[in-house]
């Protein structure tokens, strides 16, 4: 005599689901044939529009870049703060804490504030591809295929929403969180593709690495690789895909000149120490400005306990004297962004970076000098100024003129 319900999916899905029950209000929109729904507690309407906007932007970007969205609806469902401050992606549903979405206050006037309800929605919707289409085997590196790729996907949505030069705050926060996490590692640090559910690796390092790889290859080319990978592995039956398969396919899509990035970013623990040493600006007679920049670039490998190595296989380290310091590095043939910035420009209420020169340079030695001529008065220069490389101290990557 009991009431019971029988639920059945009309699409393939991961065997991972939740039950949520409450007296909800519902905001619902039809978006390109999909029902977008937000289930919320009455009175918690503060961020519904930005959450709905994130759903639309995310689904559009992911469907165009990776593969079609597999379900007929997408549901965001509020739960109380007493149950935690997290969101979690299940098949076409995302339980979402009121504390980080429905009653969150986003400071529109603060240029450094992160629109975290928007960002969290874009991350959780990405899991409809990375975990709910591409399902990784339960082995080392599994969370790179879910969390790292969802972080990457979210960063691209944020970039297309807020602009490329707003990405520094997201990447720097991810980089600093990774460095803090590895400093507190109690067991051993693994390379990204072999991480063992280590959050500072798969979330923070993974975000920087995936975004950087996209930047080096080009967003379209990297997304074409991801589309190829999804096409090969989506809704796979056992044996499930692994991070090794992912990296091997990435090698096929990567030109010879950038293969070193795969070894540095995915297969090993490789870190940089890049810094601007000196900058001089000279006004020219033709109204332009000559900018002379001295900068260092060095990199090293770390073992799982943090011990440094400056030698790669049988190739000896290179060295240089910078000031009073004698520095060592792994052999270099690396590309890095060099930038010159004019005064910040306003976009709405926020000030954003205004690069008047931004180009990748191939670096083969530790100490470097470069001369650049620009059309506007420079106020700042940078080496890897947007924190795309795993740099042990990104605070010295920029210098005022």
Protein backbone atom coordinates (compact mmCIF):
# COMPACT_ATOMS: atom_id res chain seq x y z
CA UNK A 1 0.00 0.00 0.00
CA UNK A 2 2.97 2.38 -0.21
CA UNK A 3 3.34 5.15 -2.81
CA UNK A 4 6.27 4.55 -5.10
CA UNK A 5 7.82 6.04 -8.21
CA UNK A 6 9.62 4.53 -11.16
CA UNK A 7 12.17 6.78 -12.87
CA UNK A 8 13.62 5.97 -16.26
CA UNK A 9 16.04 8.03 -18.39
CA UNK A 10 15.49 8.46 -22.11
CA UNK A 11 19.26 8.83 -22.72
CA UNK A 12 22.39 7.03 -21.62
CA UNK A 13 23.65 8.37 -18.28
CA UNK A 14 26.26 7.83 -15.63
CA UNK A 15 24.92 5.75 -12.72
CA UNK A 16 25.10 8.76 -10.38
CA UNK A 17 22.02 10.68 -9.32
CA UNK A 18 20.38 12.54 -6.46
CA UNK A 19 16.93 12.98 -4.95
CA UNK A 20 15.88 16.46 -3.84
CA UNK A 21 12.48 17.44 -2.51
CA UNK A 22 11.18 20.83 -1.36
CA UNK A 23 8.39 23.34 -1.90
CA UNK A 24 10.01 25.13 -4.85
CA UNK A 25 9.31 28.10 -7.04
CA UNK A 26 10.47 27.46 -10.61
CA UNK A 27 12.00 29.81 -13.15
CA UNK A 28 11.81 28.13 -16.54
CA UNK A 29 12.84 29.13 -20.07
CA UNK A 30 12.93 27.25 -23.35
CA UNK A 31 16.36 27.71 -24.92
CA UNK A 32 16.90 26.29 -28.41
CA UNK A 33 14.63 23.35 -27.72
CA UNK A 34 15.97 22.66 -24.21
CA UNK A 35 14.06 23.39 -21.01
CA UNK A 36 16.26 25.41 -18.64
CA UNK A 37 14.88 25.31 -15.10
CA UNK A 38 15.90 26.83 -11.76
CA UNK A 39 14.19 25.49 -8.64
CA UNK A 40 14.48 28.02 -5.82
CA UNK A 41 13.13 28.99 -2.41
CA UNK A 42 10.68 31.91 -2.54
CA UNK A 43 12.53 35.13 -1.72
CA UNK A 44 15.86 33.93 -3.11
CA UNK A 45 15.53 35.54 -6.54
CA UNK A 46 18.75 37.64 -6.31
CA UNK A 47 20.89 35.79 -8.87
CA UNK A 48 18.38 33.94 -11.02
CA UNK A 49 19.04 36.04 -14.11
CA UNK A 50 22.83 35.64 -13.95
CA UNK A 51 22.44 31.90 -13.32
CA UNK A 52 20.10 31.54 -16.29
CA UNK A 53 22.48 33.59 -18.44
CA UNK A 54 25.34 31.28 -17.48
CA UNK A 55 23.29 28.20 -18.40
CA UNK A 56 22.58 29.62 -21.86
CA UNK A 57 26.14 30.77 -22.54
CA UNK A 58 27.64 27.51 -21.26
CA UNK A 59 25.34 25.16 -23.14
CA UNK A 60 25.88 27.13 -26.35
CA UNK A 61 29.69 27.09 -26.00
CA UNK A 62 29.98 23.43 -25.02
CA UNK A 63 27.56 22.17 -27.67
CA UNK A 64 29.40 24.11 -30.38
CA UNK A 65 32.88 23.19 -29.14
CA UNK A 66 32.57 19.57 -27.95
CA UNK A 67 29.32 17.77 -28.85
CA UNK A 68 25.53 18.22 -28.61
CA UNK A 69 23.96 18.38 -25.14
CA UNK A 70 22.46 14.95 -24.52
CA UNK A 71 19.36 15.77 -22.44
CA UNK A 72 16.11 17.68 -23.02
CA UNK A 73 16.35 19.77 -19.85
CA UNK A 74 18.88 21.26 -17.45
CA UNK A 75 17.91 21.90 -13.84
CA UNK A 76 19.60 23.94 -11.10
CA UNK A 77 18.14 23.05 -7.70
CA UNK A 78 18.66 25.03 -4.49
CA UNK A 79 19.46 23.36 -1.18
CA UNK A 80 19.97 24.94 2.26
CA UNK A 81 23.22 26.35 3.57
CA UNK A 82 23.00 23.91 6.50
CA UNK A 83 23.74 21.10 4.04
CA UNK A 84 26.97 22.74 2.81
CA UNK A 85 28.38 25.30 0.37
CA UNK A 86 28.94 23.32 -2.81
CA UNK A 87 27.31 22.39 -6.09
CA UNK A 88 27.45 18.97 -7.71
CA UNK A 89 26.59 17.83 -11.21
CA UNK A 90 24.32 14.85 -11.79
CA UNK A 91 22.70 13.91 -15.08
CA UNK A 92 20.79 17.06 -16.21
CA UNK A 93 20.51 18.28 -12.59
CA UNK A 94 22.81 20.38 -10.39
CA UNK A 95 22.01 20.64 -6.67
CA UNK A 96 23.35 24.09 -5.74
CA UNK A 97 23.85 25.55 -2.25
CA UNK A 98 21.93 28.73 -1.50
CA UNK A 99 25.11 30.15 0.06
CA UNK A 100 27.13 30.26 -3.16
CA UNK A 101 24.32 31.07 -5.55
CA UNK A 102 20.83 31.93 -4.50
CA UNK A 103 21.61 34.35 -1.65
CA UNK A 104 25.15 35.28 -2.73
CA UNK A 105 25.97 38.96 -3.17
CA UNK A 106 28.20 39.72 -6.15
CA UNK A 107 29.96 43.08 -5.84
CA UNK A 108 29.45 44.68 -9.25
CA UNK A 109 31.67 47.66 -8.36
CA UNK A 110 34.75 45.70 -7.26
CA UNK A 111 37.04 45.11 -10.28
CA UNK A 112 38.57 42.07 -8.54
CA UNK A 113 35.27 40.47 -7.54
CA UNK A 114 34.43 37.16 -9.18
CA UNK A 115 30.90 36.47 -10.37
CA UNK A 116 30.96 33.12 -8.65
CA UNK A 117 27.31 32.05 -9.17
CA UNK A 118 27.92 32.50 -12.92
CA UNK A 119 31.30 30.73 -12.76
CA UNK A 120 30.06 27.78 -10.69
CA UNK A 121 27.11 27.23 -13.03
CA UNK A 122 29.45 27.13 -16.03
CA UNK A 123 31.73 24.62 -14.26
CA UNK A 124 28.91 22.31 -13.20
CA UNK A 125 27.27 22.38 -16.64
CA UNK A 126 30.61 21.40 -18.17
CA UNK A 127 30.35 18.15 -16.21
CA UNK A 128 27.48 17.17 -18.50
CA UNK A 129 30.33 16.53 -20.95
CA UNK A 130 33.28 15.81 -18.62
CA UNK A 131 31.97 12.97 -16.41
CA UNK A 132 28.52 12.50 -17.95
CA UNK A 133 29.60 11.96 -21.57
CA UNK A 134 33.31 11.21 -21.18
CA UNK A 135 33.56 8.85 -18.21
CA UNK A 136 37.09 8.17 -16.94
CA UNK A 137 38.20 4.84 -15.54
CA UNK A 138 38.75 4.83 -11.77
CA UNK A 139 42.52 5.03 -12.00
CA UNK A 140 45.18 7.70 -11.57
CA UNK A 141 44.34 10.80 -13.58
CA UNK A 142 40.57 10.23 -13.62
CA UNK A 143 39.81 13.64 -12.14
CA UNK A 144 41.87 15.38 -14.84
CA UNK A 145 39.23 14.12 -17.27
CA UNK A 146 36.39 15.50 -15.16
CA UNK A 147 37.50 18.42 -12.97
CA UNK A 148 40.39 19.86 -15.00
CA UNK A 149 38.38 19.82 -18.21
CA UNK A 150 35.34 21.33 -16.50
CA UNK A 151 37.51 24.11 -15.09
CA UNK A 152 38.95 24.73 -18.55
CA UNK A 153 35.50 24.81 -20.13
CA UNK A 154 34.27 27.26 -17.50
CA UNK A 155 37.27 29.54 -18.02
CA UNK A 156 36.48 29.76 -21.73
CA UNK A 157 32.88 30.72 -20.99
CA UNK A 158 34.12 33.38 -18.55
CA UNK A 159 36.59 34.65 -21.14
CA UNK A 160 33.87 35.01 -23.76
CA UNK A 161 31.61 36.72 -21.22
CA UNK A 162 34.01 39.13 -19.52
CA UNK A 163 36.86 39.46 -22.02
CA UNK A 164 40.27 37.87 -22.45
CA UNK A 165 42.13 40.38 -20.31
CA UNK A 166 39.91 39.71 -17.30
CA UNK A 167 41.29 36.16 -17.19
CA UNK A 168 44.40 37.07 -15.20
CA UNK A 169 42.56 37.13 -11.88
CA UNK A 170 41.09 33.65 -12.49
CA UNK A 171 44.43 32.18 -13.60
CA UNK A 172 46.45 33.85 -10.85
CA UNK A 173 44.02 32.63 -8.20
CA UNK A 174 44.26 29.10 -9.61
CA UNK A 175 48.07 29.28 -9.79
CA UNK A 176 48.47 30.58 -6.24
CA UNK A 177 46.06 27.94 -4.92
CA UNK A 178 48.08 25.21 -6.64
CA UNK A 179 51.36 26.49 -5.19
CA UNK A 180 49.81 26.71 -1.72
CA UNK A 181 48.40 23.19 -2.07
CA UNK A 182 51.69 21.62 -3.11
CA UNK A 183 53.45 23.37 -0.22
CA UNK A 184 51.07 21.59 2.15
CA UNK A 185 51.21 18.17 0.47
CA UNK A 186 51.69 15.50 3.16
CA UNK A 187 52.30 12.48 0.96
CA UNK A 188 53.49 13.05 -2.59
CA UNK A 189 52.69 15.33 -5.47
CA UNK A 190 51.82 13.67 -8.76
CA UNK A 191 51.96 15.06 -12.30
CA UNK A 192 48.58 16.28 -13.52
CA UNK A 193 47.85 13.20 -15.64
CA UNK A 194 48.60 10.88 -12.71
CA UNK A 195 46.99 12.85 -9.89
CA UNK A 196 45.11 10.84 -7.29
CA UNK A 197 42.05 12.99 -6.61
CA UNK A 198 44.31 15.81 -5.33
CA UNK A 199 42.14 18.91 -5.55
CA UNK A 200 44.96 21.46 -5.74
CA UNK A 201 46.23 19.54 -8.78
CA UNK A 202 43.09 18.68 -10.73
CA UNK A 203 41.23 21.94 -10.01
CA UNK A 204 43.94 24.57 -9.72
CA UNK A 205 46.89 23.29 -11.73
CA UNK A 206 44.49 21.65 -14.18
CA UNK A 207 42.76 24.97 -14.89
CA UNK A 208 46.06 26.73 -15.65
CA UNK A 209 47.45 23.86 -17.74
CA UNK A 210 44.35 23.34 -19.89
CA UNK A 211 43.89 27.06 -20.48
CA UNK A 212 47.59 27.48 -21.31
CA UNK A 213 47.52 24.57 -23.75
CA UNK A 214 44.52 26.13 -25.45
CA UNK A 215 46.38 29.45 -25.63
CA UNK A 216 49.50 27.90 -27.16
CA UNK A 217 47.63 25.75 -29.68
CA UNK A 218 44.84 28.23 -30.27
CA UNK A 219 41.38 27.91 -28.74
CA UNK A 220 39.80 26.45 -31.89
CA UNK A 221 42.53 23.87 -32.39
CA UNK A 222 42.45 22.76 -28.75
CA UNK A 223 38.65 22.51 -28.82
CA UNK A 224 38.84 20.51 -32.05
CA UNK A 225 41.10 18.08 -30.19
CA UNK A 226 38.55 17.89 -27.36
CA UNK A 227 35.75 17.32 -29.88
CA UNK A 228 37.80 14.47 -31.37
CA UNK A 229 38.35 13.01 -27.90
CA UNK A 230 34.63 13.24 -27.02
CA UNK A 231 33.74 11.61 -30.33
CA UNK A 232 36.02 8.67 -29.55
CA UNK A 233 35.05 8.15 -25.89
CA UNK A 234 31.57 9.55 -25.13
CA UNK A 235 29.16 7.09 -23.48
CA UNK A 236 31.82 4.39 -23.65
CA UNK A 237 31.16 1.02 -22.10
CA UNK A 238 33.98 -0.52 -20.02
CA UNK A 239 36.93 -0.36 -20.37
CA UNK A 240 36.65 3.38 -19.79
CA UNK A 241 39.02 5.99 -21.10
CA UNK A 242 42.09 7.17 -19.17
CA UNK A 243 44.29 10.25 -18.94
CA UNK A 244 46.95 8.33 -20.89
CA UNK A 245 44.59 8.06 -23.87
CA UNK A 246 43.83 11.77 -23.53
CA UNK A 247 47.51 12.77 -23.54
CA UNK A 248 48.39 10.43 -26.40
CA UNK A 249 45.67 11.97 -28.56
CA UNK A 250 46.76 15.48 -27.55
CA UNK A 251 50.24 14.66 -28.87
CA UNK A 252 48.73 13.87 -32.27
CA UNK A 253 47.05 17.30 -32.34
CA UNK A 254 50.16 19.21 -31.18
CA UNK A 255 52.91 20.44 -33.54
CA UNK A 256 56.50 19.36 -32.92
CA UNK A 257 57.50 22.83 -31.68
CA UNK A 258 55.05 22.56 -28.75
CA UNK A 259 55.45 18.90 -27.78
CA UNK A 260 57.64 20.01 -24.86
CA UNK A 261 54.53 21.54 -23.25
CA UNK A 262 52.89 18.13 -22.91
CA UNK A 263 55.89 16.72 -21.07
CA UNK A 264 56.18 19.82 -18.87
CA UNK A 265 52.50 20.32 -18.09
CA UNK A 266 50.96 16.84 -18.05
CA UNK A 267 53.65 14.18 -17.65
CA UNK A 268 56.02 15.81 -15.15
CA UNK A 269 56.02 18.42 -12.38
CA UNK A 270 57.71 21.35 -14.12
CA UNK A 271 57.90 24.86 -12.69
CA UNK A 272 59.19 28.22 -13.91
CA UNK A 273 60.78 31.20 -12.22
CA UNK A 274 60.19 34.08 -14.61
CA UNK A 275 60.82 37.67 -13.58
CA UNK A 276 61.26 41.18 -14.97
CA UNK A 277 64.63 42.52 -13.81
CA UNK A 278 64.68 45.97 -15.35
CA UNK A 279 62.75 48.17 -17.78
CA UNK A 280 63.71 51.44 -19.49
CA UNK A 281 61.44 53.63 -21.61
CA UNK A 282 62.65 56.24 -24.09
CA UNK A 283 60.38 58.68 -25.96
CA UNK A 284 61.30 58.79 -29.64
CA UNK A 285 61.20 61.80 -31.97
CA UNK A 286 58.43 60.26 -34.07
CA UNK A 287 56.07 60.11 -31.06
CA UNK A 288 56.66 56.42 -30.39
CA UNK A 289 58.28 54.82 -27.35
CA UNK A 290 61.26 52.48 -27.12
CA UNK A 291 60.96 49.91 -24.35
CA UNK A 292 64.03 47.93 -23.23
CA UNK A 293 63.25 44.96 -21.01
CA UNK A 294 65.61 42.69 -19.09
CA UNK A 295 64.00 39.48 -17.89
CA UNK A 296 64.92 36.03 -16.68
CA UNK A 297 63.37 32.70 -17.54
CA UNK A 298 64.32 29.48 -15.85
CA UNK A 299 62.58 26.20 -15.23
CA UNK A 300 63.14 23.05 -13.27
CA UNK A 301 61.52 19.73 -12.51
CA UNK A 302 60.36 18.58 -9.11
CA UNK A 303 60.06 15.02 -7.84
CA UNK A 304 57.07 13.93 -5.75
CA UNK A 305 58.74 15.23 -2.56
CA UNK A 306 59.65 18.64 -3.98
CA UNK A 307 63.32 18.00 -4.77
CA UNK A 308 64.49 20.11 -7.73
CA UNK A 309 66.29 18.91 -10.84
CA UNK A 310 67.79 21.13 -13.54
CA UNK A 311 68.84 18.29 -15.83
CA UNK A 312 66.65 16.59 -18.41
CA UNK A 313 67.74 12.99 -19.05
CA UNK A 314 71.31 13.22 -20.34
CA UNK A 315 71.07 16.93 -21.22
CA UNK A 316 73.00 19.03 -18.70
CA UNK A 317 71.59 22.11 -17.00
CA UNK A 318 72.29 25.58 -18.35
CA UNK A 319 73.47 28.38 -16.08
CA UNK A 320 73.81 32.16 -15.98
CA UNK A 321 74.82 34.87 -13.55
CA UNK A 322 72.04 37.42 -12.91
CA UNK A 323 73.35 40.18 -10.66
CA UNK A 324 75.07 38.43 -7.77
CA UNK A 325 73.15 35.19 -8.27
CA UNK A 326 74.27 32.18 -10.24
CA UNK A 327 71.15 30.50 -11.63
CA UNK A 328 70.52 27.10 -13.19
CA UNK A 329 67.76 25.92 -15.47
CA UNK A 330 66.63 23.01 -17.53
CA UNK A 331 67.61 23.53 -21.18
CA UNK A 332 65.28 26.14 -22.68
CA UNK A 333 63.54 26.34 -26.06
CA UNK A 334 60.32 27.69 -24.61
CA UNK A 335 57.75 30.21 -25.76
CA UNK A 336 56.55 32.90 -23.36
CA UNK A 337 54.30 35.95 -23.61
CA UNK A 338 56.03 39.33 -23.49
CA UNK A 339 53.69 42.29 -23.00
CA UNK A 340 53.76 46.07 -22.82
CA UNK A 341 50.75 47.79 -21.27
CA UNK A 342 49.37 51.30 -21.64
CA UNK A 343 47.15 52.87 -18.98
CA UNK A 344 44.20 50.65 -18.05
CA UNK A 345 40.98 51.15 -19.97
CA UNK A 346 37.46 51.23 -18.57
CA UNK A 347 34.90 48.60 -19.47
CA UNK A 348 31.71 49.59 -17.71
CA UNK A 349 32.57 50.18 -14.06
CA UNK A 350 35.74 48.10 -14.24
CA UNK A 351 39.28 48.87 -15.32
CA UNK A 352 40.97 46.20 -17.42
CA UNK A 353 44.46 45.62 -18.79
CA UNK A 354 45.32 47.48 -21.96
CA UNK A 355 48.13 45.60 -23.75
CA UNK A 356 49.64 47.54 -26.63
CA UNK A 357 52.13 44.75 -27.34
CA UNK A 358 51.55 41.06 -26.63
CA UNK A 359 53.51 38.38 -28.42
CA UNK A 360 55.06 34.99 -27.75
CA UNK A 361 58.86 34.91 -27.90
CA UNK A 362 61.05 31.82 -28.04
CA UNK A 363 63.55 31.87 -25.19
CA UNK A 364 66.73 29.78 -25.12
CA UNK A 365 68.67 31.29 -22.20
CA UNK A 366 68.12 32.39 -18.61
CA UNK A 367 69.03 36.09 -18.98
CA UNK A 368 67.30 37.97 -21.80
CA UNK A 369 67.09 41.49 -23.21
CA UNK A 370 64.45 42.64 -25.65
CA UNK A 371 63.70 46.00 -27.30
CA UNK A 372 60.14 46.85 -28.36
CA UNK A 373 58.79 50.01 -30.00
CA UNK A 374 55.17 50.90 -29.23
CA UNK A 375 52.77 53.66 -30.33
CA UNK A 376 51.44 54.63 -26.88
CA UNK A 377 53.06 55.57 -23.61
CA UNK A 378 53.82 52.36 -21.68
CA UNK A 379 53.08 52.09 -17.97
CA UNK A 380 53.92 48.43 -17.30
CA UNK A 381 55.67 45.44 -18.88
CA UNK A 382 55.36 41.72 -18.25
CA UNK A 383 56.82 38.30 -18.90
CA UNK A 384 54.05 35.69 -18.85
CA UNK A 385 51.87 38.56 -17.57
CA UNK A 386 48.63 36.57 -17.58
CA UNK A 387 49.98 33.61 -15.57
CA UNK A 388 49.68 30.87 -18.15
CA UNK A 389 52.83 29.07 -16.94
CA UNK A 390 53.34 27.37 -13.58
CA UNK A 391 55.53 30.08 -12.06
CA UNK A 392 56.72 29.78 -8.46
CA UNK A 393 56.38 33.55 -7.92
CA UNK A 394 54.08 35.31 -10.33
CA UNK A 395 54.24 38.59 -8.41
CA UNK A 396 57.51 39.56 -10.13
CA UNK A 397 56.24 38.89 -13.66
CA UNK A 398 55.18 42.50 -14.12
CA UNK A 399 57.01 45.78 -13.53
CA UNK A 400 55.88 49.40 -13.73
CA UNK A 401 57.86 51.61 -16.11
